Amino acid sequence: MAAHAAGGRAMSAPLLTSRDWLGKASAGLILGFVLALGLSGLLAWAIGVSDTFFSTKGQLAMWSMSPVWCLVLSLCFLFRSGLRAWTMLALASAVVWAGVYATGMLA
């Protein structure tokens, strides 16, 4: 009886539910955008984009936002709850935007 645990109960996998999907999706949509925009700004600073956003470097920084946003939006459903998704993504966004502010990219 390999299906039973040592205590005599049947082992079962955790159930997959759609609990808090609206909170998770809205956090990924809104805060994922904010996070992707901040990371794009940090990338622009890191590769030396000044005012030439039509250059290759500028286009790279601009278009890097889409895959980051999609990745955050895809992975936001792995959080345990909508509240945790909002909290963690807000914290990550705050850290990224503090870095953007520290680099002087907001001037």
PDB file of N, CA and C in Angstrom:
ATOM      1  N   MET A   1       0.828  -1.181   0.000  1.00  0.00           N
ATOM      2  CA  MET A   1       0.000   0.000   0.000  1.00  0.00           C
ATOM      3  C   MET A   1       0.878   1.251   0.000  1.00  0.00           C
ATOM      4  N   ALA A   2       1.456   1.526  -1.128  1.00  0.00           N
ATOM      5  CA  ALA A   2       2.346   2.674  -1.253  1.00  0.00           C
ATOM      6  C   ALA A   2       1.594   3.982  -1.252  1.00  0.00           C
ATOM      7  N   ALA A   3       0.285   3.935  -1.505  1.00  0.00           N
ATOM      8  CA  ALA A   3      -0.499   5.169  -1.576  1.00  0.00           C
ATOM      9  C   ALA A   3      -0.822   5.731  -0.202  1.00  0.00           C
ATOM     10  N   HIS A   4      -0.601   4.961   0.835  1.00  0.00           N
ATOM     11  CA  HIS A   4      -0.919   5.425   2.183  1.00  0.00           C
ATOM     12  C   HIS A   4       0.335   5.905   2.891  1.00  0.00           C
ATOM     13  N   ALA A   5       0.177   6.932   3.685  1.00  0.00           N
ATOM     14  CA  ALA A   5       1.295   7.463   4.473  1.00  0.00           C
ATOM     15  C   ALA A   5       1.470   6.603   5.717  1.00  0.00           C
ATOM     16  N   ALA A   6       2.447   6.930   6.504  1.00  0.00           N
ATOM     17  CA  ALA A   6       2.745   6.160   7.701  1.00  0.00           C
ATOM     18  C   ALA A   6       1.591   6.194   8.701  1.00  0.00           C
ATOM     19  N   GLY A   7       0.834   7.252   8.712  1.00  0.00           N
ATOM     20  CA  GLY A   7      -0.278   7.379   9.646  1.00  0.00           C
ATOM     21  C   GLY A   7      -1.542   6.690   9.172  1.00  0.00           C
ATOM     22  N   GLY A   8      -1.516   6.048   8.029  1.00  0.00           N
ATOM     23  CA  GLY A   8      -2.686   5.350   7.537  1.00  0.00           C
ATOM     24  C   GLY A   8      -3.583   6.208   6.649  1.00  0.00           C
ATOM     25  N   ARG A   9      -3.242   7.465   6.439  1.00  0.00           N
ATOM     26  CA  ARG A   9      -4.051   8.334   5.586  1.00  0.00           C
ATOM     27  C   ARG A   9      -3.522   8.274   4.158  1.00  0.00           C
ATOM     28  N   ALA A  10      -4.396   8.487   3.219  1.00  0.00           N
ATOM     29  CA  ALA A  10      -3.984   8.528   1.822  1.00  0.00           C
ATOM     30  C   ALA A  10      -3.269   9.847   1.550  1.00  0.00           C
ATOM     31  N   MET A  11      -2.164   9.782   0.843  1.00  0.00           N
ATOM     32  CA  MET A  11      -1.428  10.996   0.503  1.00  0.00           C
ATOM     33  C   MET A  11      -2.113  11.657  -0.681  1.00  0.00           C
ATOM     34  N   SER A  12      -2.274  12.958  -0.609  1.00  0.00           N
ATOM     35  CA  SER A  12      -2.896  13.669  -1.727  1.00  0.00           C
ATOM     36  C   SER A  12      -2.080  14.912  -2.042  1.00  0.00           C
ATOM     37  N   ALA A  13      -2.060  15.237  -3.307  1.00  0.00           N
ATOM     38  CA  ALA A  13      -1.345  16.436  -3.753  1.00  0.00           C
ATOM     39  C   ALA A  13      -2.175  17.657  -3.383  1.00  0.00           C
ATOM     40  N   PRO A  14      -1.539  18.798  -3.157  1.00  0.00           N
ATOM     41  CA  PRO A  14      -2.314  20.006  -2.879  1.00  0.00           C
ATOM     42  C   PRO A  14      -3.215  20.335  -4.056  1.00  0.00           C
ATOM     43  N   LEU A  15      -4.410  20.761  -3.749  1.00  0.00           N
ATOM     44  CA  LEU A  15      -5.366  21.078  -4.796  1.00  0.00           C
ATOM     45  C   LEU A  15      -5.021  22.400  -5.471  1.00  0.00           C
ATOM     46  N   LEU A  16      -5.160  22.417  -6.783  1.00  0.00           N
ATOM     47  CA  LEU A  16      -4.968  23.652  -7.529  1.00  0.00           C
ATOM     48  C   LEU A  16      -6.303  24.375  -7.577  1.00  0.00           C
ATOM     49  N   THR A  17      -6.318  25.598  -7.122  1.00  0.00           N
ATOM     50  CA  THR A  17      -7.554  26.368  -7.113  1.00  0.00           C
ATOM     51  C   THR A  17      -7.342  27.693  -7.830  1.00  0.00           C
ATOM     52  N   SER A  18      -8.433  28.323  -8.137  1.00  0.00           N
ATOM     53  CA  SER A  18      -8.362  29.645  -8.767  1.00  0.00           C
ATOM     54  C   SER A  18      -8.624  30.729  -7.727  1.00  0.00           C
ATOM     55  N   ARG A  19      -8.211  30.486  -6.520  1.00  0.00           N
ATOM     56  CA  ARG A  19      -8.417  31.420  -5.423  1.00  0.00           C
ATOM     57  C   ARG A  19      -7.595  32.681  -5.641  1.00  0.00           C
ATOM     58  N   ASP A  20      -8.202  33.825  -5.452  1.00  0.00           N
ATOM     59  CA  ASP A  20      -7.537  35.130  -5.546  1.00  0.00           C
ATOM     60  C   ASP A  20      -6.975  35.421  -6.931  1.00  0.00           C
ATOM     61  N   TRP A  21      -7.527  34.866  -7.967  1.00  0.00           N
ATOM     62  CA  TRP A  21      -6.970  35.086  -9.298  1.00  0.00           C
ATOM     63  C   TRP A  21      -7.094  36.548  -9.711  1.00  0.00           C
ATOM     64  N   LEU A  22      -8.169  37.222  -9.283  1.00  0.00           N
ATOM     65  CA  LEU A  22      -8.327  38.617  -9.671  1.00  0.00           C
ATOM     66  C   LEU A  22      -7.276  39.501  -8.981  1.00  0.00           C
ATOM     67  N   GLY A  23      -7.005  39.241  -7.713  1.00  0.00           N
ATOM     68  CA  GLY A  23      -5.976  39.998  -6.997  1.00  0.00           C
ATOM     69  C   GLY A  23      -4.589  39.756  -7.555  1.00  0.00           C
ATOM     70  N   LYS A  24      -4.309  38.516  -7.902  1.00  0.00           N
ATOM     71  CA  LYS A  24      -3.004  38.180  -8.469  1.00  0.00           C
ATOM     72  C   LYS A  24      -2.839  38.778  -9.861  1.00  0.00           C
ATOM     73  N   ALA A  25      -3.900  38.653 -10.673  1.00  0.00           N
ATOM     74  CA  ALA A  25      -3.826  39.177 -12.037  1.00  0.00           C
ATOM     75  C   ALA A  25      -3.721  40.696 -12.050  1.00  0.00           C
ATOM     76  N   SER A  26      -4.461  41.363 -11.180  1.00  0.00           N
ATOM     77  CA  SER A  26      -4.388  42.825 -11.147  1.00  0.00           C
ATOM     78  C   SER A  26      -3.031  43.299 -10.625  1.00  0.00           C
ATOM     79  N   ALA A  27      -2.470  42.574  -9.673  1.00  0.00           N
ATOM     80  CA  ALA A  27      -1.126  42.927  -9.193  1.00  0.00           C
ATOM     81  C   ALA A  27      -0.101  42.747 -10.305  1.00  0.00           C
ATOM     82  N   GLY A  28      -0.201  41.651 -11.041  1.00  0.00           N
ATOM     83  CA  GLY A  28       0.730  41.425 -12.140  1.00  0.00           C
ATOM     84  C   GLY A  28       0.558  42.436 -13.258  1.00  0.00           C
ATOM     85  N   LEU A  29      -0.675  42.824 -13.501  1.00  0.00           N
ATOM     86  CA  LEU A  29      -0.934  43.770 -14.584  1.00  0.00           C
ATOM     87  C   LEU A  29      -0.451  45.169 -14.227  1.00  0.00           C
ATOM     88  N   ILE A  30      -0.829  45.651 -13.062  1.00  0.00           N
ATOM     89  CA  ILE A  30      -0.510  47.030 -12.675  1.00  0.00           C
ATOM     90  C   ILE A  30       0.927  47.149 -12.171  1.00  0.00           C
ATOM     91  N   LEU A  31       1.256  46.371 -11.154  1.00  0.00           N
ATOM     92  CA  LEU A  31       2.604  46.488 -10.585  1.00  0.00           C
ATOM     93  C   LEU A  31       3.655  45.847 -11.483  1.00  0.00           C
ATOM     94  N   GLY A  32       3.245  44.894 -12.314  1.00  0.00           N
ATOM     95  CA  GLY A  32       4.180  44.351 -13.300  1.00  0.00           C
ATOM     96  C   GLY A  32       4.597  45.412 -14.299  1.00  0.00           C
ATOM     97  N   PHE A  33       3.642  46.254 -14.704  1.00  0.00           N
ATOM     98  CA  PHE A  33       3.969  47.368 -15.595  1.00  0.00           C
ATOM     99  C   PHE A  33       4.937  48.332 -14.926  1.00  0.00           C
ATOM    100  N   VAL A  34       4.663  48.681 -13.670  1.00  0.00           N
ATOM    101  CA  VAL A  34       5.522  49.609 -12.935  1.00  0.00           C
ATOM    102  C   VAL A  34       6.924  49.024 -12.775  1.00  0.00           C
ATOM    103  N   LEU A  35       6.994  47.751 -12.456  1.00  0.00           N
ATOM    104  CA  LEU A  35       8.286  47.086 -12.283  1.00  0.00           C
ATOM    105  C   LEU A  35       9.045  47.014 -13.612  1.00  0.00           C
ATOM    106  N   ALA A  36       8.354  46.662 -14.685  1.00  0.00           N
ATOM    107  CA  ALA A  36       9.004  46.571 -15.995  1.00  0.00           C
ATOM    108  C   ALA A  36       9.491  47.936 -16.469  1.00  0.00           C
ATOM    109  N   LEU A  37       8.721  48.967 -16.204  1.00  0.00           N
ATOM    110  CA  LEU A  37       9.131  50.317 -16.587  1.00  0.00           C
ATOM    111  C   LEU A  37      10.377  50.750 -15.819  1.00  0.00           C
ATOM    112  N   GLY A  38      10.421  50.451 -14.527  1.00  0.00           N
ATOM    113  CA  GLY A  38      11.604  50.777 -13.732  1.00  0.00           C
ATOM    114  C   GLY A  38      12.829  50.000 -14.171  1.00  0.00           C
ATOM    115  N   LEU A  39      12.659  48.712 -14.462  1.00  0.00           N
ATOM    116  CA  LEU A  39      13.793  47.915 -14.939  1.00  0.00           C
ATOM    117  C   LEU A  39      14.275  48.384 -16.303  1.00  0.00           C
ATOM    118  N   SER A  40      13.357  48.842 -17.133  1.00  0.00           N
ATOM    119  CA  SER A  40      13.749  49.414 -18.418  1.00  0.00           C
ATOM    120  C   SER A  40      14.576  50.679 -18.221  1.00  0.00           C
ATOM    121  N   GLY A  41      14.197  51.485 -17.245  1.00  0.00           N
ATOM    122  CA  GLY A  41      14.975  52.678 -16.926  1.00  0.00           C
ATOM    123  C   GLY A  41      16.363  52.350 -16.408  1.00  0.00           C
ATOM    124  N   LEU A  42      16.448  51.328 -15.569  1.00  0.00           N
ATOM    125  CA  LEU A  42      17.768  50.910 -15.078  1.00  0.00           C
ATOM    126  C   LEU A  42      18.634  50.350 -16.204  1.00  0.00           C
ATOM    127  N   LEU A  43      18.005  49.620 -17.123  1.00  0.00           N
ATOM    128  CA  LEU A  43      18.759  49.116 -18.272  1.00  0.00           C
ATOM    129  C   LEU A  43      19.242  50.265 -19.140  1.00  0.00           C
ATOM    130  N   ALA A  44      18.402  51.265 -19.337  1.00  0.00           N
ATOM    131  CA  ALA A  44      18.809  52.436 -20.132  1.00  0.00           C
ATOM    132  C   ALA A  44      20.001  53.137 -19.478  1.00  0.00           C
ATOM    133  N   TRP A  45      19.991  53.238 -18.168  1.00  0.00           N
ATOM    134  CA  TRP A  45      21.118  53.843 -17.464  1.00  0.00           C
ATOM    135  C   TRP A  45      22.366  52.963 -17.589  1.00  0.00           C
ATOM    136  N   ALA A  46      22.181  51.644 -17.460  1.00  0.00           N
ATOM    137  CA  ALA A  46      23.323  50.729 -17.471  1.00  0.00           C
ATOM    138  C   ALA A  46      24.020  50.680 -18.827  1.00  0.00           C
ATOM    139  N   ILE A  47      23.268  50.798 -19.913  1.00  0.00           N
ATOM    140  CA  ILE A  47      23.905  50.724 -21.229  1.00  0.00           C
ATOM    141  C   ILE A  47      24.210  52.095 -21.810  1.00  0.00           C
ATOM    142  N   GLY A  48      23.900  53.149 -21.062  1.00  0.00           N
ATOM    143  CA  GLY A  48      24.323  54.485 -21.459  1.00  0.00           C
ATOM    144  C   GLY A  48      23.417  55.197 -22.443  1.00  0.00           C
ATOM    145  N   VAL A  49      22.125  54.990 -22.336  1.00  0.00           N
ATOM    146  CA  VAL A  49      21.192  55.716 -23.199  1.00  0.00           C
ATOM    147  C   VAL A  49      20.967  57.094 -22.586  1.00  0.00           C
ATOM    148  N   SER A  50      21.232  58.144 -23.350  1.00  0.00           N
ATOM    149  CA  SER A  50      20.996  59.494 -22.824  1.00  0.00           C
ATOM    150  C   SER A  50      19.692  60.034 -23.393  1.00  0.00           C
ATOM    151  N   ASP A  51      19.749  60.796 -24.460  1.00  0.00           N
ATOM    152  CA  ASP A  51      18.541  61.332 -25.077  1.00  0.00           C
ATOM    153  C   ASP A  51      18.247  60.693 -26.424  1.00  0.00           C
ATOM    154  N   THR A  52      19.008  59.713 -26.798  1.00  0.00           N
ATOM    155  CA  THR A  52      18.850  59.114 -28.119  1.00  0.00           C
ATOM    156  C   THR A  52      18.038  57.824 -28.023  1.00  0.00           C
ATOM    157  N   PHE A  53      16.743  57.982 -27.844  1.00  0.00           N
ATOM    158  CA  PHE A  53      15.893  56.808 -27.687  1.00  0.00           C
ATOM    159  C   PHE A  53      15.603  56.112 -29.011  1.00  0.00           C
ATOM    160  N   PHE A  54      15.966  56.729 -30.135  1.00  0.00           N
ATOM    161  CA  PHE A  54      15.789  56.084 -31.422  1.00  0.00           C
ATOM    162  C   PHE A  54      17.034  55.321 -31.853  1.00  0.00           C
ATOM    163  N   SER A  55      18.051  55.298 -30.986  1.00  0.00           N
ATOM    164  CA  SER A  55      19.246  54.510 -31.276  1.00  0.00           C
ATOM    165  C   SER A  55      18.968  53.039 -30.957  1.00  0.00           C
ATOM    166  N   THR A  56      19.912  52.202 -31.299  1.00  0.00           N
ATOM    167  CA  THR A  56      19.758  50.773 -31.028  1.00  0.00           C
ATOM    168  C   THR A  56      19.684  50.506 -29.531  1.00  0.00           C
ATOM    169  N   LYS A  57      20.511  51.187 -28.763  1.00  0.00           N
ATOM    170  CA  LYS A  57      20.484  51.019 -27.309  1.00  0.00           C
ATOM    171  C   LYS A  57      19.161  51.493 -26.721  1.00  0.00           C
ATOM    172  N   GLY A  58      18.676  52.607 -27.213  1.00  0.00           N
ATOM    173  CA  GLY A  58      17.399  53.122 -26.738  1.00  0.00           C
ATOM    174  C   GLY A  58      16.242  52.191 -27.051  1.00  0.00           C
ATOM    175  N   GLN A  59      16.270  51.605 -28.248  1.00  0.00           N
ATOM    176  CA  GLN A  59      15.226  50.663 -28.639  1.00  0.00           C
ATOM    177  C   GLN A  59      15.312  49.384 -27.799  1.00  0.00           C
ATOM    178  N   LEU A  60      16.524  48.953 -27.486  1.00  0.00           N
ATOM    179  CA  LEU A  60      16.692  47.781 -26.637  1.00  0.00           C
ATOM    180  C   LEU A  60      16.089  48.031 -25.257  1.00  0.00           C
ATOM    181  N   ALA A  61      16.384  49.188 -24.693  1.00  0.00           N
ATOM    182  CA  ALA A  61      15.839  49.514 -23.376  1.00  0.00           C
ATOM    183  C   ALA A  61      14.316  49.613 -23.425  1.00  0.00           C
ATOM    184  N   MET A  62      13.790  50.199 -24.481  1.00  0.00           N
ATOM    185  CA  MET A  62      12.341  50.365 -24.598  1.00  0.00           C
ATOM    186  C   MET A  62      11.633  49.023 -24.783  1.00  0.00           C
ATOM    187  N   TRP A  63      12.138  48.183 -25.671  1.00  0.00           N
ATOM    188  CA  TRP A  63      11.472  46.934 -25.971  1.00  0.00           C
ATOM    189  C   TRP A  63      11.751  45.840 -24.950  1.00  0.00           C
ATOM    190  N   SER A  64      12.690  46.054 -24.039  1.00  0.00           N
ATOM    191  CA  SER A  64      12.910  45.066 -22.979  1.00  0.00           C
ATOM    192  C   SER A  64      11.768  45.067 -21.974  1.00  0.00           C
ATOM    193  N   MET A  65      10.971  46.114 -21.998  1.00  0.00           N
ATOM    194  CA  MET A  65       9.861  46.211 -21.060  1.00  0.00           C
ATOM    195  C   MET A  65       8.791  45.147 -21.311  1.00  0.00           C
ATOM    196  N   SER A  66       8.507  44.847 -22.556  1.00  0.00           N
ATOM    197  CA  SER A  66       7.435  43.895 -22.893  1.00  0.00           C
ATOM    198  C   SER A  66       7.685  42.491 -22.350  1.00  0.00           C
ATOM    199  N   PRO A  67       8.861  41.890 -22.579  1.00  0.00           N
ATOM    200  CA  PRO A  67       9.058  40.547 -22.034  1.00  0.00           C
ATOM    201  C   PRO A  67       9.090  40.512 -20.510  1.00  0.00           C
ATOM    202  N   VAL A  68       9.610  41.568 -19.891  1.00  0.00           N
ATOM    203  CA  VAL A  68       9.633  41.604 -18.424  1.00  0.00           C
ATOM    204  C   VAL A  68       8.210  41.672 -17.890  1.00  0.00           C
ATOM    205  N   TRP A  69       7.381  42.508 -18.480  1.00  0.00           N
ATOM    206  CA  TRP A  69       6.000  42.644 -18.040  1.00  0.00           C
ATOM    207  C   TRP A  69       5.240  41.330 -18.238  1.00  0.00           C
ATOM    208  N   CYS A  70       5.447  40.691 -19.372  1.00  0.00           N
ATOM    209  CA  CYS A  70       4.791  39.402 -19.622  1.00  0.00           C
ATOM    210  C   CYS A  70       5.261  38.335 -18.641  1.00  0.00           C
ATOM    211  N   LEU A  71       6.535  38.348 -18.311  1.00  0.00           N
ATOM    212  CA  LEU A  71       7.064  37.380 -17.355  1.00  0.00           C
ATOM    213  C   LEU A  71       6.453  37.587 -15.973  1.00  0.00           C
ATOM    214  N   VAL A  72       6.381  38.837 -15.529  1.00  0.00           N
ATOM    215  CA  VAL A  72       5.778  39.126 -14.224  1.00  0.00           C
ATOM    216  C   VAL A  72       4.306  38.745 -14.224  1.00  0.00           C
ATOM    217  N   LEU A  73       3.603  39.082 -15.290  1.00  0.00           N
ATOM    218  CA  LEU A  73       2.185  38.755 -15.383  1.00  0.00           C
ATOM    219  C   LEU A  73       1.966  37.244 -15.414  1.00  0.00           C
ATOM    220  N   SER A  74       2.869  36.507 -16.005  1.00  0.00           N
ATOM    221  CA  SER A  74       2.746  35.050 -16.039  1.00  0.00           C
ATOM    222  C   SER A  74       3.057  34.416 -14.689  1.00  0.00           C
ATOM    223  N   LEU A  75       4.056  34.948 -14.002  1.00  0.00           N
ATOM    224  CA  LEU A  75       4.494  34.342 -12.747  1.00  0.00           C
ATOM    225  C   LEU A  75       3.725  34.840 -11.521  1.00  0.00           C
ATOM    226  N   CYS A  76       2.890  35.854 -11.678  1.00  0.00           N
ATOM    227  CA  CYS A  76       2.178  36.391 -10.513  1.00  0.00           C
ATOM    228  C   CYS A  76       1.188  35.388  -9.928  1.00  0.00           C
ATOM    229  N   PHE A  77       0.793  34.379 -10.692  1.00  0.00           N
ATOM    230  CA  PHE A  77      -0.152  33.378 -10.191  1.00  0.00           C
ATOM    231  C   PHE A  77       0.514  32.360  -9.268  1.00  0.00           C
ATOM    232  N   LEU A  78       1.820  32.424  -9.135  1.00  0.00           N
ATOM    233  CA  LEU A  78       2.524  31.524  -8.229  1.00  0.00           C
ATOM    234  C   LEU A  78       2.522  32.024  -6.788  1.00  0.00           C
ATOM    235  N   PHE A  79       2.080  33.257  -6.560  1.00  0.00           N
ATOM    236  CA  PHE A  79       1.974  33.755  -5.197  1.00  0.00           C
ATOM    237  C   PHE A  79       0.844  33.031  -4.472  1.00  0.00           C
ATOM    238  N   ARG A  80       0.937  32.939  -3.158  1.00  0.00           N
ATOM    239  CA  ARG A  80      -0.072  32.228  -2.378  1.00  0.00           C
ATOM    240  C   ARG A  80      -1.401  32.960  -2.323  1.00  0.00           C
ATOM    241  N   SER A  81      -1.358  34.279  -2.373  1.00  0.00           N
ATOM    242  CA  SER A  81      -2.598  35.056  -2.304  1.00  0.00           C
ATOM    243  C   SER A  81      -2.425  36.350  -3.094  1.00  0.00           C
ATOM    244  N   GLY A  82      -3.543  36.998  -3.331  1.00  0.00           N
ATOM    245  CA  GLY A  82      -3.505  38.276  -4.018  1.00  0.00           C
ATOM    246  C   GLY A  82      -2.801  39.334  -3.191  1.00  0.00           C
ATOM    247  N   LEU A  83      -3.009  39.290  -1.885  1.00  0.00           N
ATOM    248  CA  LEU A  83      -2.354  40.252  -0.993  1.00  0.00           C
ATOM    249  C   LEU A  83      -0.834  40.089  -1.035  1.00  0.00           C
ATOM    250  N   ARG A  84      -0.379  38.853  -1.038  1.00  0.00           N
ATOM    251  CA  ARG A  84       1.070  38.616  -1.106  1.00  0.00           C
ATOM    252  C   ARG A  84       1.640  39.066  -2.442  1.00  0.00           C
ATOM    253  N   ALA A  85       0.884  38.868  -3.522  1.00  0.00           N
ATOM    254  CA  ALA A  85       1.334  39.328  -4.841  1.00  0.00           C
ATOM    255  C   ALA A  85       1.461  40.846  -4.851  1.00  0.00           C
ATOM    256  N   TRP A  86       0.447  41.537  -4.339  1.00  0.00           N
ATOM    257  CA  TRP A  86       0.508  43.002  -4.282  1.00  0.00           C
ATOM    258  C   TRP A  86       1.667  43.475  -3.412  1.00  0.00           C
ATOM    259  N   THR A  87       1.870  42.833  -2.269  1.00  0.00           N
ATOM    260  CA  THR A  87       2.927  43.250  -1.343  1.00  0.00           C
ATOM    261  C   THR A  87       4.319  43.048  -1.946  1.00  0.00           C
ATOM    262  N   MET A  88       4.566  41.872  -2.470  1.00  0.00           N
ATOM    263  CA  MET A  88       5.902  41.569  -2.996  1.00  0.00           C
ATOM    264  C   MET A  88       6.220  42.375  -4.257  1.00  0.00           C
ATOM    265  N   LEU A  89       5.243  42.515  -5.133  1.00  0.00           N
ATOM    266  CA  LEU A  89       5.500  43.287  -6.349  1.00  0.00           C
ATOM    267  C   LEU A  89       5.640  44.775  -6.041  1.00  0.00           C
ATOM    268  N   ALA A  90       4.894  45.269  -5.043  1.00  0.00           N
ATOM    269  CA  ALA A  90       5.055  46.667  -4.641  1.00  0.00           C
ATOM    270  C   ALA A  90       6.436  46.890  -4.024  1.00  0.00           C
ATOM    271  N   LEU A  91       6.883  45.954  -3.225  1.00  0.00           N
ATOM    272  CA  LEU A  91       8.213  46.060  -2.623  1.00  0.00           C
ATOM    273  C   LEU A  91       9.303  46.014  -3.694  1.00  0.00           C
ATOM    274  N   ALA A  92       9.174  45.097  -4.643  1.00  0.00           N
ATOM    275  CA  ALA A  92      10.155  45.014  -5.729  1.00  0.00           C
ATOM    276  C   ALA A  92      10.145  46.286  -6.573  1.00  0.00           C
ATOM    277  N   SER A  93       8.957  46.827  -6.835  1.00  0.00           N
ATOM    278  CA  SER A  93       8.860  48.071  -7.609  1.00  0.00           C
ATOM    279  C   SER A  93       9.492  49.239  -6.867  1.00  0.00           C
ATOM    280  N   ALA A  94       9.273  49.304  -5.557  1.00  0.00           N
ATOM    281  CA  ALA A  94       9.853  50.379  -4.756  1.00  0.00           C
ATOM    282  C   ALA A  94      11.381  50.311  -4.781  1.00  0.00           C
ATOM    283  N   VAL A  95      11.926  49.115  -4.686  1.00  0.00           N
ATOM    284  CA  VAL A  95      13.385  48.954  -4.722  1.00  0.00           C
ATOM    285  C   VAL A  95      13.937  49.361  -6.089  1.00  0.00           C
ATOM    286  N   VAL A  96      13.271  48.933  -7.149  1.00  0.00           N
ATOM    287  CA  VAL A  96      13.736  49.270  -8.494  1.00  0.00           C
ATOM    288  C   VAL A  96      13.650  50.773  -8.734  1.00  0.00           C
ATOM    289  N   TRP A  97      12.530  51.389  -8.337  1.00  0.00           N
ATOM    290  CA  TRP A  97      12.383  52.828  -8.562  1.00  0.00           C
ATOM    291  C   TRP A  97      13.298  53.649  -7.665  1.00  0.00           C
ATOM    292  N   ALA A  98      13.661  53.106  -6.488  1.00  0.00           N
ATOM    293  CA  ALA A  98      14.681  53.782  -5.668  1.00  0.00           C
ATOM    294  C   ALA A  98      16.029  53.758  -6.391  1.00  0.00           C
ATOM    295  N   GLY A  99      16.311  52.649  -7.086  1.00  0.00           N
ATOM    296  CA  GLY A  99      17.533  52.576  -7.898  1.00  0.00           C
ATOM    297  C   GLY A  99      17.499  53.536  -9.068  1.00  0.00           C
ATOM    298  N   VAL A 100      16.335  53.672  -9.707  1.00  0.00           N
ATOM    299  CA  VAL A 100      16.201  54.622 -10.803  1.00  0.00           C
ATOM    300  C   VAL A 100      16.434  56.040 -10.288  1.00  0.00           C
ATOM    301  N   TYR A 101      15.882  56.346  -9.130  1.00  0.00           N
ATOM    302  CA  TYR A 101      16.053  57.682  -8.542  1.00  0.00           C
ATOM    303  C   TYR A 101      17.524  57.906  -8.159  1.00  0.00           C
ATOM    304  N   ALA A 102      18.161  56.867  -7.609  1.00  0.00           N
ATOM    305  CA  ALA A 102      19.559  56.982  -7.179  1.00  0.00           C
ATOM    306  C   ALA A 102      20.504  57.186  -8.363  1.00  0.00           C
ATOM    307  N   THR A 103      20.152  56.664  -9.526  1.00  0.00           N
ATOM    308  CA  THR A 103      21.024  56.831 -10.691  1.00  0.00           C
ATOM    309  C   THR A 103      20.847  58.179 -11.359  1.00  0.00           C
ATOM    310  N   GLY A 104      19.817  58.910 -10.990  1.00  0.00           N
ATOM    311  CA  GLY A 104      19.585  60.219 -11.571  1.00  0.00           C
ATOM    312  C   GLY A 104      18.840  60.186 -12.898  1.00  0.00           C
ATOM    313  N   MET A 105      18.205  59.058 -13.211  1.00  0.00           N
ATOM    314  CA  MET A 105      17.489  58.933 -14.475  1.00  0.00           C
ATOM    315  C   MET A 105      16.157  59.695 -14.474  1.00  0.00           C
ATOM    316  N   LEU A 106      15.696  60.126 -13.319  1.00  0.00           N
ATOM    317  CA  LEU A 106      14.421  60.834 -13.244  1.00  0.00           C
ATOM    318  C   LEU A 106      14.567  62.335 -13.482  1.00  0.00           C
ATOM    319  N   ALA A 107      15.789  62.812 -13.584  1.00  0.00           N
ATOM    320  CA  ALA A 107      16.015  64.252 -13.762  1.00  0.00           C
ATOM    321  C   ALA A 107      15.743  64.711 -15.156  1.00  0.00           C
TER     322      ALA A 107
END
